[in-house]
Amino acid sequence: MEKVIQIEGMSCQHCVGHVEAALGQVAGGRKVRVDLPQKKATVELDGTVPDEKLKAAVEDVGYDVIAIWEKD
């Protein structure tokens, strides 16, 4: 399963690194890709990870989650 997270507050590659590291530590996270210009992160997950857990990981490193949805 893949989820896409719309994130506000990222402005540079350091921000990308913070978000990638935070989401990579979420239980079940396999692969994280952050698209800075689109302000989105795509996370491949093993099994089901609640959106609240993904949101908390991003917000804990100082960024705002606008929306989370499953990728088609």
Protein backbone atom coordinates (compact mmCIF):
# COMPACT_ATOMS: atom_id res chain seq x y z
CA MET A 1 0.00 0.00 0.00
CA GLU A 2 1.15 3.54 -0.74
CA LYS A 3 -0.03 6.71 0.93
CA VAL A 4 0.56 10.28 -0.18
CA ILE A 5 0.97 13.05 2.38
CA GLN A 6 0.52 16.73 1.50
CA ILE A 7 2.96 18.70 3.66
CA GLU A 8 3.40 22.43 4.25
CA GLY A 9 6.51 24.10 5.64
CA MET A 10 9.26 22.32 3.69
CA SER A 11 11.61 24.74 1.94
CA CYS A 12 14.92 22.94 1.31
CA GLN A 13 16.71 19.61 1.08
CA HIS A 14 17.31 19.62 4.85
CA CYS A 15 13.53 19.69 5.29
CA VAL A 16 13.22 16.78 2.88
CA GLY A 17 15.77 14.83 4.92
CA HIS A 18 13.90 15.49 8.17
CA VAL A 19 10.59 14.30 6.70
CA GLU A 20 12.17 11.23 5.04
CA ALA A 21 13.85 10.21 8.30
CA ALA A 22 10.69 10.73 10.37
CA LEU A 23 8.47 8.75 8.02
CA GLY A 24 11.12 6.07 7.59
CA GLN A 25 10.96 5.37 11.33
CA VAL A 26 7.21 4.81 11.29
CA ALA A 27 6.44 1.15 11.88
CA GLY A 28 5.92 -0.61 8.57
CA GLY A 29 7.48 2.14 6.46
CA ARG A 30 9.49 0.62 3.62
CA LYS A 31 10.24 3.43 1.19
CA VAL A 32 9.74 7.18 1.43
CA ARG A 33 9.95 9.65 -1.46
CA VAL A 34 9.58 13.37 -0.85
CA ASP A 35 8.79 15.74 -3.72
CA LEU A 36 9.75 19.22 -2.48
CA PRO A 37 8.21 21.26 -5.36
CA GLN A 38 4.90 19.37 -5.05
CA LYS A 39 5.07 19.44 -1.22
CA LYS A 40 4.22 15.73 -1.07
CA ALA A 41 5.66 12.59 0.46
CA THR A 42 4.83 9.11 -0.82
CA VAL A 43 5.25 6.27 1.65
CA GLU A 44 5.22 2.55 0.81
CA LEU A 45 3.84 0.66 3.78
CA ASP A 46 3.87 -2.93 5.01
CA GLY A 47 0.31 -3.50 6.15
CA THR A 48 -1.90 -0.85 7.62
CA VAL A 49 -0.44 2.20 9.34
CA PRO A 50 -2.98 4.69 10.71
CA ASP A 51 -2.95 8.15 9.13
CA GLU A 52 -2.63 9.62 12.62
CA LYS A 53 0.73 7.89 13.07
CA LEU A 54 2.06 9.29 9.77
CA LYS A 55 0.74 12.75 10.62
CA ALA A 56 2.34 12.67 14.09
CA ALA A 57 5.73 11.67 12.63
CA VAL A 58 5.72 14.65 10.24
CA GLU A 59 4.40 17.12 12.78
CA ASP A 60 6.92 16.00 15.40
CA VAL A 61 9.74 17.27 13.15
CA GLY A 62 8.03 20.63 12.62
CA TYR A 63 5.93 20.43 9.46
CA ASP A 64 2.18 20.64 8.84
CA VAL A 65 0.18 17.80 7.29
CA ILE A 66 -2.60 19.09 5.07
CA ALA A 67 -4.00 15.78 3.81
CA ILE A 68 -3.26 12.05 3.56
CA TRP A 69 -4.71 9.71 0.97
CA GLU A 70 -4.10 6.27 -0.54
CA LYS A 71 -2.34 6.31 -3.87
CA ASP A 72 -4.26 4.66 -6.71
